[in-house]
Amino acid sequence: MDRRIFLGVIAGGLLAAPFGAGAQPLDKVRRIGYLDGASPSTNPALTDAFRDQMRQLGYVEGKNLVIEYRWVDGKYDRLSDLAADLVRLRVEVIVTVGDPVVQAAKKATTTIPIVMASVGDPVGRGFVASLARPGGNITGVSNFAVALSGKWLEILREVVPHLSQVAILRNSANPTHPLFWMEADKAAKGLGLKLQSLEVRSPEDIDTAFESMLKERVGAFVTLPDPLLTGQRVRIADLAAKTHLPGIAAFRENTEAGTLMAYGPSLAANRRRAAVFVDKILKGAKPGDLPIEQPTKFELVINLKTAKALGLTIPPSLVQRADEVIE
C-alpha cells in the first residue's frame, strides 16, 4: 500500500474514532454554561485552565463554542436566578464551581447535564447516588476538601508546636462550612486544640475577624474554601502579616497570595478534568454513567518568605514533604 494512503487511512480513523453513536461533530457550535461562585477577577488562571483544556479537545470560543459565564461573586442569594437563567438559555451542559452552585443548578434542572468542577462530598450532600454510578444528570470532580480539615490542624501544630487555639474563617452563607467545622472540631479535640469560629459574609468582616483573633490571642488560623474568602486571599494574607499570624488554606492560590501554607487538591487540575467531562457529554455520554473523579494528589505548598516574616522556622521534615516552596 502507498505510504501516504496508509497514513491517511490511519489519520482518518483516529479523527473519526471519538465520534461514535450519539457523538456530535466539532464543527457544530456548542453552547455551555459556566456557573462560578466567585467573580471573574478572583482567579482568572482557573477559568483559563478550563478554556485551555476545551481548546485542546477541539472547542474554541468564537468558533465552535459559546460559553455563557455567570458569576455569583460570593453573593449566594443570586444563585437561583443565575442557574435559572442558564436553563432558560437551553445550554447543553452547566459547569459548576462550588457546592452551593451545584445545589442551585440541581434545583434548576433535572435534564441538563451538570459537570462539577469543584465539590466537597457529592454523595454526602445528596448530589449523586454514588461516586461510581452518579445517576441523574450530575457528574464531575470531587476535591473531598471537607476531610482535610483535620490535616490542616495537624500541619499547623507541626509548625507551631505550642499551639493551643485556632481560628476558623468561614462564610455562614456557605452550606458546606458546617461540615468543615464538624470535621475540624473532631480533629481539634484529638489534638488538644480550641477552635474559634469567625464568620465572614463580606470583605469588611475579614478585618473584624482578625481583630477578634488578636483579642482572643489565637495562635493560627484556617481559611475554609469559599469563593468570597478565596477572592479576598490577598487581603487575608496582608492582615495575617500585620497581625503576625500563621495560616493555612486548601489551595495554593492562597499561599501564592502570602498565606503561610496550603494543603489540598489542585484547582487548575480540577478545571481541566471538568473540561474532559464536558467533552464526553457533548459527544453523547450520559452524566449519570460517568464516575465521579477524586483527586489522586494533594499539594502541600509552603511560603518560606512568609515564614521568615513571621519569625517561624518550618521543620525540615515538613519542607521535604512540600510539593512547592515559595521563597
C-alpha atoms as a PDB file:
ATOM      1  CA  MET A   1       0.000   0.000   0.000  1.00  0.00           C
ATOM      2  CA  ASP A   2       1.213   3.515  -0.793  1.00  0.00           C
ATOM      3  CA  ARG A   3       2.623   5.042   2.444  1.00  0.00           C
ATOM      4  CA  ARG A   4       0.634   8.273   2.002  1.00  0.00           C
ATOM      5  CA  ILE A   5      -2.609   6.362   1.586  1.00  0.00           C
ATOM      6  CA  PHE A   6      -1.789   4.177   4.598  1.00  0.00           C
ATOM      7  CA  LEU A   7      -1.135   7.213   6.799  1.00  0.00           C
ATOM      8  CA  GLY A   8      -4.286   8.854   5.506  1.00  0.00           C
ATOM      9  CA  VAL A   9      -6.337   5.811   6.498  1.00  0.00           C
ATOM     10  CA  ILE A  10      -4.839   5.860  10.000  1.00  0.00           C
ATOM     11  CA  ALA A  11      -5.376   9.595  10.392  1.00  0.00           C
ATOM     12  CA  GLY A  12      -8.929   9.312   9.151  1.00  0.00           C
ATOM     13  CA  GLY A  13      -9.596   6.507  11.608  1.00  0.00           C
ATOM     14  CA  LEU A  14      -8.177   8.498  14.520  1.00  0.00           C
ATOM     15  CA  LEU A  15     -10.243  11.523  13.657  1.00  0.00           C
ATOM     16  CA  ALA A  16     -13.399   9.512  13.299  1.00  0.00           C
ATOM     17  CA  ALA A  17     -12.874   7.421  16.426  1.00  0.00           C
ATOM     18  CA  PRO A  18     -14.273   9.874  19.011  1.00  0.00           C
ATOM     19  CA  PHE A  19     -17.488  10.274  17.100  1.00  0.00           C
ATOM     20  CA  GLY A  20     -19.348   7.095  17.898  1.00  0.00           C
ATOM     21  CA  ALA A  21     -23.060   6.677  18.362  1.00  0.00           C
ATOM     22  CA  GLY A  22     -24.630   9.884  19.556  1.00  0.00           C
ATOM     23  CA  ALA A  23     -21.433  11.910  19.066  1.00  0.00           C
ATOM     24  CA  GLN A  24     -21.602  15.358  17.507  1.00  0.00           C
ATOM     25  CA  PRO A  25     -19.073  16.805  15.018  1.00  0.00           C
ATOM     26  CA  LEU A  26     -16.743  19.532  16.319  1.00  0.00           C
ATOM     27  CA  ASP A  27     -17.788  21.960  13.563  1.00  0.00           C
ATOM     28  CA  LYS A  28     -21.175  22.338  15.252  1.00  0.00           C
ATOM     29  CA  VAL A  29     -21.403  25.341  17.584  1.00  0.00           C
ATOM     30  CA  ARG A  30     -21.913  24.128  21.159  1.00  0.00           C
ATOM     31  CA  ARG A  31     -23.322  26.294  23.951  1.00  0.00           C
ATOM     32  CA  ILE A  32     -22.476  25.559  27.565  1.00  0.00           C
ATOM     33  CA  GLY A  33     -22.990  27.361  30.862  1.00  0.00           C
ATOM     34  CA  TYR A  34     -20.247  28.149  33.393  1.00  0.00           C
ATOM     35  CA  LEU A  35     -21.635  28.991  36.831  1.00  0.00           C
ATOM     36  CA  ASP A  36     -18.971  30.057  39.322  1.00  0.00           C
ATOM     37  CA  GLY A  37     -19.427  31.107  42.942  1.00  0.00           C
ATOM     38  CA  ALA A  38     -16.580  33.612  42.625  1.00  0.00           C
ATOM     39  CA  SER A  39     -16.024  36.633  40.346  1.00  0.00           C
ATOM     40  CA  PRO A  40     -14.098  36.809  37.035  1.00  0.00           C
ATOM     41  CA  SER A  41     -11.178  38.511  38.787  1.00  0.00           C
ATOM     42  CA  THR A  42     -10.951  36.045  41.696  1.00  0.00           C
ATOM     43  CA  ASN A  43      -8.618  33.681  39.865  1.00  0.00           C
ATOM     44  CA  PRO A  44      -8.692  34.014  36.070  1.00  0.00           C
ATOM     45  CA  ALA A  45      -5.980  31.339  35.773  1.00  0.00           C
ATOM     46  CA  LEU A  46      -8.523  28.695  36.801  1.00  0.00           C
ATOM     47  CA  THR A  47     -11.035  29.716  34.147  1.00  0.00           C
ATOM     48  CA  ASP A  48      -8.161  29.829  31.665  1.00  0.00           C
ATOM     49  CA  ALA A  49      -7.246  26.247  32.616  1.00  0.00           C
ATOM     50  CA  PHE A  50     -10.782  25.136  31.722  1.00  0.00           C
ATOM     51  CA  ARG A  51     -10.799  27.078  28.443  1.00  0.00           C
ATOM     52  CA  ASP A  52      -7.339  25.834  27.505  1.00  0.00           C
ATOM     53  CA  GLN A  53      -8.353  22.213  28.024  1.00  0.00           C
ATOM     54  CA  MET A  54     -11.503  22.794  25.968  1.00  0.00           C
ATOM     55  CA  ARG A  55      -9.297  24.165  23.163  1.00  0.00           C
ATOM     56  CA  GLN A  56      -7.075  21.109  23.351  1.00  0.00           C
ATOM     57  CA  LEU A  57     -10.191  18.991  22.951  1.00  0.00           C
ATOM     58  CA  GLY A  58     -11.162  20.938  19.832  1.00  0.00           C
ATOM     59  CA  TYR A  59     -13.599  23.535  21.213  1.00  0.00           C
ATOM     60  CA  VAL A  60     -12.680  27.164  20.541  1.00  0.00           C
ATOM     61  CA  GLU A  61     -14.703  30.115  21.833  1.00  0.00           C
ATOM     62  CA  GLY A  62     -15.907  32.299  18.991  1.00  0.00           C
ATOM     63  CA  LYS A  63     -15.594  29.426  16.548  1.00  0.00           C
ATOM     64  CA  ASN A  64     -17.450  26.293  17.622  1.00  0.00           C
ATOM     65  CA  LEU A  65     -18.037  27.056  21.301  1.00  0.00           C
ATOM     66  CA  VAL A  66     -20.109  29.592  23.219  1.00  0.00           C
ATOM     67  CA  ILE A  67     -19.627  29.724  26.990  1.00  0.00           C
ATOM     68  CA  GLU A  68     -22.312  31.548  28.951  1.00  0.00           C
ATOM     69  CA  TYR A  69     -20.493  32.763  32.071  1.00  0.00           C
ATOM     70  CA  ARG A  70     -22.441  33.566  35.209  1.00  0.00           C
ATOM     71  CA  TRP A  71     -20.544  34.844  38.256  1.00  0.00           C
ATOM     72  CA  VAL A  72     -22.038  34.744  41.747  1.00  0.00           C
ATOM     73  CA  ASP A  73     -19.288  36.887  43.310  1.00  0.00           C
ATOM     74  CA  GLY A  74     -19.884  35.248  46.693  1.00  0.00           C
ATOM     75  CA  LYS A  75     -23.479  36.532  46.801  1.00  0.00           C
ATOM     76  CA  TYR A  76     -25.306  33.248  47.210  1.00  0.00           C
ATOM     77  CA  ASP A  77     -28.743  34.855  47.136  1.00  0.00           C
ATOM     78  CA  ARG A  78     -28.187  35.338  43.372  1.00  0.00           C
ATOM     79  CA  LEU A  79     -27.523  31.670  42.694  1.00  0.00           C
ATOM     80  CA  SER A  80     -31.062  30.540  41.938  1.00  0.00           C
ATOM     81  CA  ASP A  81     -31.648  33.306  39.397  1.00  0.00           C
ATOM     82  CA  LEU A  82     -28.318  32.744  37.652  1.00  0.00           C
ATOM     83  CA  ALA A  83     -28.871  28.988  37.424  1.00  0.00           C
ATOM     84  CA  ALA A  84     -32.400  29.528  36.103  1.00  0.00           C
ATOM     85  CA  ASP A  85     -31.019  31.939  33.501  1.00  0.00           C
ATOM     86  CA  LEU A  86     -28.719  29.250  32.101  1.00  0.00           C
ATOM     87  CA  VAL A  87     -31.618  26.805  31.955  1.00  0.00           C
ATOM     88  CA  ARG A  88     -33.679  29.365  30.010  1.00  0.00           C
ATOM     89  CA  LEU A  89     -30.820  29.695  27.519  1.00  0.00           C
ATOM     90  CA  ARG A  90     -31.018  25.928  26.950  1.00  0.00           C
ATOM     91  CA  VAL A  91     -27.295  25.385  27.320  1.00  0.00           C
ATOM     92  CA  GLU A  92     -26.155  21.823  26.640  1.00  0.00           C
ATOM     93  CA  VAL A  93     -24.092  21.466  29.814  1.00  0.00           C
ATOM     94  CA  ILE A  94     -23.709  23.526  33.001  1.00  0.00           C
ATOM     95  CA  VAL A  95     -20.251  23.583  34.601  1.00  0.00           C
ATOM     96  CA  THR A  96     -20.469  24.405  38.313  1.00  0.00           C
ATOM     97  CA  VAL A  97     -17.800  25.614  40.736  1.00  0.00           C
ATOM     98  CA  GLY A  98     -18.529  25.115  44.436  1.00  0.00           C
ATOM     99  CA  ASP A  99     -21.031  23.111  46.491  1.00  0.00           C
ATOM    100  CA  PRO A 100     -23.684  25.865  46.764  1.00  0.00           C
ATOM    101  CA  VAL A 101     -23.507  26.309  42.991  1.00  0.00           C
ATOM    102  CA  VAL A 102     -24.062  22.603  42.384  1.00  0.00           C
ATOM    103  CA  GLN A 103     -27.070  22.715  44.705  1.00  0.00           C
ATOM    104  CA  ALA A 104     -28.589  25.653  42.824  1.00  0.00           C
ATOM    105  CA  ALA A 105     -28.045  24.028  39.434  1.00  0.00           C
ATOM    106  CA  LYS A 106     -29.516  20.759  40.698  1.00  0.00           C
ATOM    107  CA  LYS A 107     -32.664  22.581  41.794  1.00  0.00           C
ATOM    108  CA  ALA A 108     -32.867  24.435  38.483  1.00  0.00           C
ATOM    109  CA  THR A 109     -32.768  21.393  36.196  1.00  0.00           C
ATOM    110  CA  THR A 110     -33.001  17.619  36.221  1.00  0.00           C
ATOM    111  CA  THR A 111     -32.398  17.258  32.480  1.00  0.00           C
ATOM    112  CA  ILE A 112     -29.442  19.472  31.509  1.00  0.00           C
ATOM    113  CA  PRO A 113     -26.149  17.703  32.341  1.00  0.00           C
ATOM    114  CA  ILE A 114     -24.230  19.299  35.217  1.00  0.00           C
ATOM    115  CA  VAL A 115     -20.448  18.936  35.483  1.00  0.00           C
ATOM    116  CA  MET A 116     -18.975  19.696  38.903  1.00  0.00           C
ATOM    117  CA  ALA A 117     -15.545  21.340  38.602  1.00  0.00           C
ATOM    118  CA  SER A 118     -15.116  21.601  42.362  1.00  0.00           C
ATOM    119  CA  VAL A 119     -17.201  19.994  45.095  1.00  0.00           C
ATOM    120  CA  GLY A 120     -16.559  18.557  48.531  1.00  0.00           C
ATOM    121  CA  ASP A 121     -18.618  15.434  49.245  1.00  0.00           C
ATOM    122  CA  PRO A 122     -21.121  14.955  46.388  1.00  0.00           C
ATOM    123  CA  VAL A 123     -22.586  11.778  47.896  1.00  0.00           C
ATOM    124  CA  GLY A 124     -22.914  13.203  51.401  1.00  0.00           C
ATOM    125  CA  ARG A 125     -24.538  16.347  50.030  1.00  0.00           C
ATOM    126  CA  GLY A 126     -27.047  14.260  48.070  1.00  0.00           C
ATOM    127  CA  PHE A 127     -25.905  15.499  44.661  1.00  0.00           C
ATOM    128  CA  VAL A 128     -25.256  11.979  43.331  1.00  0.00           C
ATOM    129  CA  ALA A 129     -26.194   8.421  44.294  1.00  0.00           C
ATOM    130  CA  SER A 130     -22.607   7.156  44.400  1.00  0.00           C
ATOM    131  CA  LEU A 131     -19.146   8.005  43.105  1.00  0.00           C
ATOM    132  CA  ALA A 132     -19.041   5.011  40.763  1.00  0.00           C
ATOM    133  CA  ARG A 133     -22.585   5.450  39.400  1.00  0.00           C
ATOM    134  CA  PRO A 134     -23.768   9.022  39.961  1.00  0.00           C
ATOM    135  CA  GLY A 135     -27.122   8.518  38.229  1.00  0.00           C
ATOM    136  CA  GLY A 136     -29.263  11.503  37.303  1.00  0.00           C
ATOM    137  CA  ASN A 137     -27.785  14.463  35.454  1.00  0.00           C
ATOM    138  CA  ILE A 138     -24.712  15.251  37.580  1.00  0.00           C
ATOM    139  CA  THR A 139     -21.087  14.131  37.364  1.00  0.00           C
ATOM    140  CA  GLY A 140     -17.639  15.710  37.602  1.00  0.00           C
ATOM    141  CA  VAL A 141     -14.746  16.143  40.004  1.00  0.00           C
ATOM    142  CA  SER A 142     -14.755  15.907  43.790  1.00  0.00           C
ATOM    143  CA  ASN A 143     -11.994  17.541  45.820  1.00  0.00           C
ATOM    144  CA  PHE A 144     -13.054  15.934  49.132  1.00  0.00           C
ATOM    145  CA  ALA A 145     -11.798  19.066  50.897  1.00  0.00           C
ATOM    146  CA  VAL A 146     -14.065  18.529  53.926  1.00  0.00           C
ATOM    147  CA  ALA A 147     -11.979  15.548  55.000  1.00  0.00           C
ATOM    148  CA  LEU A 148      -8.869  17.748  55.022  1.00  0.00           C
ATOM    149  CA  SER A 149      -9.981  19.857  57.990  1.00  0.00           C
ATOM    150  CA  GLY A 150      -8.089  17.679  60.450  1.00  0.00           C
ATOM    151  CA  LYS A 151      -4.979  17.634  58.271  1.00  0.00           C
ATOM    152  CA  TRP A 152      -4.820  21.436  58.265  1.00  0.00           C
ATOM    153  CA  LEU A 153      -4.796  21.465  62.061  1.00  0.00           C
ATOM    154  CA  GLU A 154      -2.117  18.774  62.185  1.00  0.00           C
ATOM    155  CA  ILE A 155       0.143  20.759  59.854  1.00  0.00           C
ATOM    156  CA  LEU A 156      -0.344  23.947  61.881  1.00  0.00           C
ATOM    157  CA  ARG A 157       0.613  22.038  65.025  1.00  0.00           C
ATOM    158  CA  GLU A 158       3.827  20.877  63.326  1.00  0.00           C
ATOM    159  CA  VAL A 159       4.779  24.475  62.579  1.00  0.00           C
ATOM    160  CA  VAL A 160       3.607  25.900  65.912  1.00  0.00           C
ATOM    161  CA  PRO A 161       4.252  23.106  68.485  1.00  0.00           C
ATOM    162  CA  HIS A 162       2.752  25.010  71.431  1.00  0.00           C
ATOM    163  CA  LEU A 163      -0.364  25.996  69.502  1.00  0.00           C
ATOM    164  CA  SER A 164      -3.476  25.953  71.686  1.00  0.00           C
ATOM    165  CA  GLN A 165      -6.141  27.965  69.839  1.00  0.00           C
ATOM    166  CA  VAL A 166      -7.001  28.147  66.143  1.00  0.00           C
ATOM    167  CA  ALA A 167      -9.476  30.425  64.371  1.00  0.00           C
ATOM    168  CA  ILE A 168     -11.587  29.101  61.502  1.00  0.00           C
ATOM    169  CA  LEU A 169     -12.522  31.697  58.877  1.00  0.00           C
ATOM    170  CA  ARG A 170     -15.871  30.574  57.475  1.00  0.00           C
ATOM    171  CA  ASN A 171     -18.718  32.018  55.431  1.00  0.00           C
ATOM    172  CA  SER A 172     -22.036  31.471  57.198  1.00  0.00           C
ATOM    173  CA  ALA A 173     -23.784  31.677  53.820  1.00  0.00           C
ATOM    174  CA  ASN A 174     -21.832  28.669  52.555  1.00  0.00           C
ATOM    175  CA  PRO A 175     -23.819  25.492  53.331  1.00  0.00           C
ATOM    176  CA  THR A 176     -20.683  23.311  53.283  1.00  0.00           C
ATOM    177  CA  HIS A 177     -18.915  25.134  56.096  1.00  0.00           C
ATOM    178  CA  PRO A 178     -20.809  23.435  58.933  1.00  0.00           C
ATOM    179  CA  LEU A 179     -19.399  20.158  57.555  1.00  0.00           C
ATOM    180  CA  PHE A 180     -15.867  21.568  57.627  1.00  0.00           C
ATOM    181  CA  TRP A 181     -16.461  22.807  61.164  1.00  0.00           C
ATOM    182  CA  MET A 182     -17.634  19.401  62.410  1.00  0.00           C
ATOM    183  CA  GLU A 183     -14.587  17.668  60.934  1.00  0.00           C
ATOM    184  CA  ALA A 184     -12.251  20.308  62.366  1.00  0.00           C
ATOM    185  CA  ASP A 185     -13.912  20.098  65.776  1.00  0.00           C
ATOM    186  CA  LYS A 186     -13.371  16.336  65.915  1.00  0.00           C
ATOM    187  CA  ALA A 187      -9.721  16.701  64.981  1.00  0.00           C
ATOM    188  CA  ALA A 188      -9.191  19.600  67.391  1.00  0.00           C
ATOM    189  CA  LYS A 189     -10.330  17.510  70.347  1.00  0.00           C
ATOM    190  CA  GLY A 190      -7.804  14.834  69.486  1.00  0.00           C
ATOM    191  CA  LEU A 191      -5.035  17.426  69.170  1.00  0.00           C
ATOM    192  CA  GLY A 192      -6.000  19.310  72.309  1.00  0.00           C
ATOM    193  CA  LEU A 193      -6.822  22.477  70.390  1.00  0.00           C
ATOM    194  CA  LYS A 194      -9.536  25.046  70.998  1.00  0.00           C
ATOM    195  CA  LEU A 195     -11.335  26.378  67.930  1.00  0.00           C
ATOM    196  CA  GLN A 196     -12.831  29.806  67.375  1.00  0.00           C
ATOM    197  CA  SER A 197     -15.410  30.247  64.610  1.00  0.00           C
ATOM    198  CA  LEU A 198     -15.187  33.591  62.817  1.00  0.00           C
ATOM    199  CA  GLU A 199     -17.987  34.381  60.381  1.00  0.00           C
ATOM    200  CA  VAL A 200     -17.219  36.273  57.177  1.00  0.00           C
ATOM    201  CA  ARG A 201     -20.052  37.334  54.871  1.00  0.00           C
ATOM    202  CA  SER A 202     -18.429  40.413  53.347  1.00  0.00           C
ATOM    203  CA  PRO A 203     -14.885  41.706  52.772  1.00  0.00           C
ATOM    204  CA  GLU A 204     -15.337  44.086  55.705  1.00  0.00           C
ATOM    205  CA  ASP A 205     -15.923  41.148  58.040  1.00  0.00           C
ATOM    206  CA  ILE A 206     -12.361  39.971  57.427  1.00  0.00           C
ATOM    207  CA  ASP A 207     -10.923  42.968  59.274  1.00  0.00           C
ATOM    208  CA  THR A 208     -13.248  42.300  62.194  1.00  0.00           C
ATOM    209  CA  ALA A 209     -12.242  38.634  62.197  1.00  0.00           C
ATOM    210  CA  PHE A 210      -8.556  39.444  62.573  1.00  0.00           C
ATOM    211  CA  GLU A 211      -9.331  41.934  65.322  1.00  0.00           C
ATOM    212  CA  SER A 212     -11.104  39.086  67.140  1.00  0.00           C
ATOM    213  CA  MET A 213      -8.101  36.812  66.627  1.00  0.00           C
ATOM    214  CA  LEU A 214      -5.858  39.349  68.319  1.00  0.00           C
ATOM    215  CA  LYS A 215      -8.322  39.904  71.142  1.00  0.00           C
ATOM    216  CA  GLU A 216      -8.712  36.161  71.788  1.00  0.00           C
ATOM    217  CA  ARG A 217      -4.962  35.555  71.379  1.00  0.00           C
ATOM    218  CA  VAL A 218      -5.451  32.992  68.648  1.00  0.00           C
ATOM    219  CA  GLY A 219      -2.220  31.300  67.578  1.00  0.00           C
ATOM    220  CA  ALA A 220      -3.084  30.445  63.957  1.00  0.00           C
ATOM    221  CA  PHE A 221      -5.986  30.353  61.518  1.00  0.00           C
ATOM    222  CA  VAL A 222      -7.564  28.214  58.812  1.00  0.00           C
ATOM    223  CA  THR A 223      -9.275  29.739  55.776  1.00  0.00           C
ATOM    224  CA  LEU A 224     -12.051  27.434  54.573  1.00  0.00           C
ATOM    225  CA  PRO A 225     -12.535  27.053  50.807  1.00  0.00           C
ATOM    226  CA  ASP A 226     -15.154  29.544  49.660  1.00  0.00           C
ATOM    227  CA  PRO A 227     -15.478  31.901  46.658  1.00  0.00           C
ATOM    228  CA  LEU A 228     -15.708  35.013  48.839  1.00  0.00           C
ATOM    229  CA  LEU A 229     -12.748  34.021  51.016  1.00  0.00           C
ATOM    230  CA  THR A 230     -10.687  32.930  48.022  1.00  0.00           C
ATOM    231  CA  GLY A 231     -11.448  36.224  46.330  1.00  0.00           C
ATOM    232  CA  GLN A 232     -10.153  38.039  49.406  1.00  0.00           C
ATOM    233  CA  ARG A 233      -6.998  35.917  49.748  1.00  0.00           C
ATOM    234  CA  VAL A 234      -4.640  38.897  49.311  1.00  0.00           C
ATOM    235  CA  ARG A 235      -6.464  40.868  51.984  1.00  0.00           C
ATOM    236  CA  ILE A 236      -6.387  37.877  54.327  1.00  0.00           C
ATOM    237  CA  ALA A 237      -2.656  37.393  53.749  1.00  0.00           C
ATOM    238  CA  ASP A 238      -1.967  41.091  54.355  1.00  0.00           C
ATOM    239  CA  LEU A 239      -3.904  41.084  57.626  1.00  0.00           C
ATOM    240  CA  ALA A 240      -2.189  37.870  58.684  1.00  0.00           C
ATOM    241  CA  ALA A 241       1.173  39.566  58.124  1.00  0.00           C
ATOM    242  CA  LYS A 242       0.121  42.637  60.106  1.00  0.00           C
ATOM    243  CA  THR A 243      -1.199  40.555  62.999  1.00  0.00           C
ATOM    244  CA  HIS A 244       1.732  38.131  62.813  1.00  0.00           C
ATOM    245  CA  LEU A 245      -0.471  35.044  62.442  1.00  0.00           C
ATOM    246  CA  PRO A 246       0.374  31.838  60.563  1.00  0.00           C
ATOM    247  CA  GLY A 247      -2.430  30.440  58.444  1.00  0.00           C
ATOM    248  CA  ILE A 248      -3.294  27.526  56.213  1.00  0.00           C
ATOM    249  CA  ALA A 249      -5.826  27.108  53.413  1.00  0.00           C
ATOM    250  CA  ALA A 250      -6.922  24.433  50.967  1.00  0.00           C
ATOM    251  CA  PHE A 251      -5.453  25.822  47.784  1.00  0.00           C
ATOM    252  CA  ARG A 252      -2.058  27.003  46.555  1.00  0.00           C
ATOM    253  CA  GLU A 253      -3.572  30.276  45.343  1.00  0.00           C
ATOM    254  CA  ASN A 254      -3.875  31.393  48.980  1.00  0.00           C
ATOM    255  CA  THR A 255      -0.211  30.663  49.650  1.00  0.00           C
ATOM    256  CA  GLU A 256       0.854  32.434  46.472  1.00  0.00           C
ATOM    257  CA  ALA A 257      -1.006  35.464  47.855  1.00  0.00           C
ATOM    258  CA  GLY A 258       1.004  35.305  51.091  1.00  0.00           C
ATOM    259  CA  THR A 259      -0.730  32.890  53.477  1.00  0.00           C
ATOM    260  CA  LEU A 260       1.868  30.648  55.132  1.00  0.00           C
ATOM    261  CA  MET A 261       0.708  27.254  53.862  1.00  0.00           C
ATOM    262  CA  ALA A 262      -1.819  25.402  51.752  1.00  0.00           C
ATOM    263  CA  TYR A 263      -2.739  21.749  51.577  1.00  0.00           C
ATOM    264  CA  GLY A 264      -5.307  20.395  49.165  1.00  0.00           C
ATOM    265  CA  PRO A 265      -6.081  19.390  45.588  1.00  0.00           C
ATOM    266  CA  SER A 266      -5.099  21.396  42.521  1.00  0.00           C
ATOM    267  CA  LEU A 267      -7.970  23.628  41.428  1.00  0.00           C
ATOM    268  CA  ALA A 268      -6.440  24.044  37.973  1.00  0.00           C
ATOM    269  CA  ALA A 269      -6.305  20.269  37.522  1.00  0.00           C
ATOM    270  CA  ASN A 270      -9.965  20.065  38.570  1.00  0.00           C
ATOM    271  CA  ARG A 271     -10.932  22.621  35.920  1.00  0.00           C
ATOM    272  CA  ARG A 272      -9.075  20.700  33.236  1.00  0.00           C
ATOM    273  CA  ARG A 273     -10.738  17.442  34.229  1.00  0.00           C
ATOM    274  CA  ALA A 274     -14.129  19.179  34.166  1.00  0.00           C
ATOM    275  CA  ALA A 275     -13.474  20.087  30.530  1.00  0.00           C
ATOM    276  CA  VAL A 276     -12.872  16.410  29.754  1.00  0.00           C
ATOM    277  CA  PHE A 277     -16.262  15.569  31.280  1.00  0.00           C
ATOM    278  CA  VAL A 278     -17.920  18.276  29.166  1.00  0.00           C
ATOM    279  CA  ASP A 279     -16.298  16.844  26.044  1.00  0.00           C
ATOM    280  CA  LYS A 280     -17.559  13.340  26.817  1.00  0.00           C
ATOM    281  CA  ILE A 281     -21.101  14.589  27.399  1.00  0.00           C
ATOM    282  CA  LEU A 282     -21.141  16.689  24.226  1.00  0.00           C
ATOM    283  CA  LYS A 283     -20.088  13.560  22.367  1.00  0.00           C
ATOM    284  CA  GLY A 284     -23.041  11.597  23.705  1.00  0.00           C
ATOM    285  CA  ALA A 285     -22.095  10.215  27.120  1.00  0.00           C
ATOM    286  CA  LYS A 286     -24.725  10.323  29.876  1.00  0.00           C
ATOM    287  CA  PRO A 287     -23.567  12.147  33.024  1.00  0.00           C
ATOM    288  CA  GLY A 288     -25.135   9.537  35.284  1.00  0.00           C
ATOM    289  CA  ASP A 289     -22.886   6.878  33.732  1.00  0.00           C
ATOM    290  CA  LEU A 290     -19.631   8.817  34.225  1.00  0.00           C
ATOM    291  CA  PRO A 291     -17.967   8.036  37.592  1.00  0.00           C
ATOM    292  CA  ILE A 292     -17.081  10.963  39.844  1.00  0.00           C
ATOM    293  CA  GLU A 293     -13.326  11.563  39.787  1.00  0.00           C
ATOM    294  CA  GLN A 294     -11.399  12.121  43.004  1.00  0.00           C
ATOM    295  CA  PRO A 295      -8.025  13.853  43.370  1.00  0.00           C
ATOM    296  CA  THR A 296      -5.095  11.488  43.115  1.00  0.00           C
ATOM    297  CA  LYS A 297      -2.686  14.014  44.577  1.00  0.00           C
ATOM    298  CA  PHE A 298      -2.821  16.684  47.266  1.00  0.00           C
ATOM    299  CA  GLU A 299      -0.377  19.577  47.176  1.00  0.00           C
ATOM    300  CA  LEU A 300       1.483  20.960  50.155  1.00  0.00           C
ATOM    301  CA  VAL A 301       2.722  24.468  49.396  1.00  0.00           C
ATOM    302  CA  ILE A 302       4.787  26.478  51.884  1.00  0.00           C
ATOM    303  CA  ASN A 303       5.645  30.168  51.637  1.00  0.00           C
ATOM    304  CA  LEU A 304       9.083  30.465  53.265  1.00  0.00           C
ATOM    305  CA  LYS A 305       9.094  34.215  52.665  1.00  0.00           C
ATOM    306  CA  THR A 306       6.011  34.468  54.877  1.00  0.00           C
ATOM    307  CA  ALA A 307       7.563  32.107  57.434  1.00  0.00           C
ATOM    308  CA  LYS A 308      10.634  34.343  57.678  1.00  0.00           C
ATOM    309  CA  ALA A 309       8.479  37.447  58.114  1.00  0.00           C
ATOM    310  CA  LEU A 310       6.560  35.685  60.902  1.00  0.00           C
ATOM    311  CA  GLY A 311       9.776  34.574  62.582  1.00  0.00           C
ATOM    312  CA  LEU A 312       8.883  30.905  62.134  1.00  0.00           C
ATOM    313  CA  THR A 313      11.221  28.042  61.332  1.00  0.00           C
ATOM    314  CA  ILE A 314       9.457  25.425  59.253  1.00  0.00           C
ATOM    315  CA  PRO A 315      10.532  21.908  60.318  1.00  0.00           C
ATOM    316  CA  PRO A 316      12.890  20.407  57.696  1.00  0.00           C
ATOM    317  CA  SER A 317      10.711  17.288  57.557  1.00  0.00           C
ATOM    318  CA  LEU A 318       7.727  19.417  56.501  1.00  0.00           C
ATOM    319  CA  VAL A 319       9.774  21.303  53.901  1.00  0.00           C
ATOM    320  CA  GLN A 320      10.900  17.978  52.435  1.00  0.00           C
ATOM    321  CA  ARG A 321       7.269  16.865  52.122  1.00  0.00           C
ATOM    322  CA  ALA A 322       6.256  20.075  50.355  1.00  0.00           C
ATOM    323  CA  ASP A 323       5.359  19.920  46.667  1.00  0.00           C
ATOM    324  CA  GLU A 324       6.363  23.535  46.262  1.00  0.00           C
ATOM    325  CA  VAL A 325       8.264  26.019  48.379  1.00  0.00           C
ATOM    326  CA  ILE A 326       7.836  29.725  47.696  1.00  0.00           C
ATOM    327  CA  GLU A 327      10.988  31.679  48.509  1.00  0.00           C
END
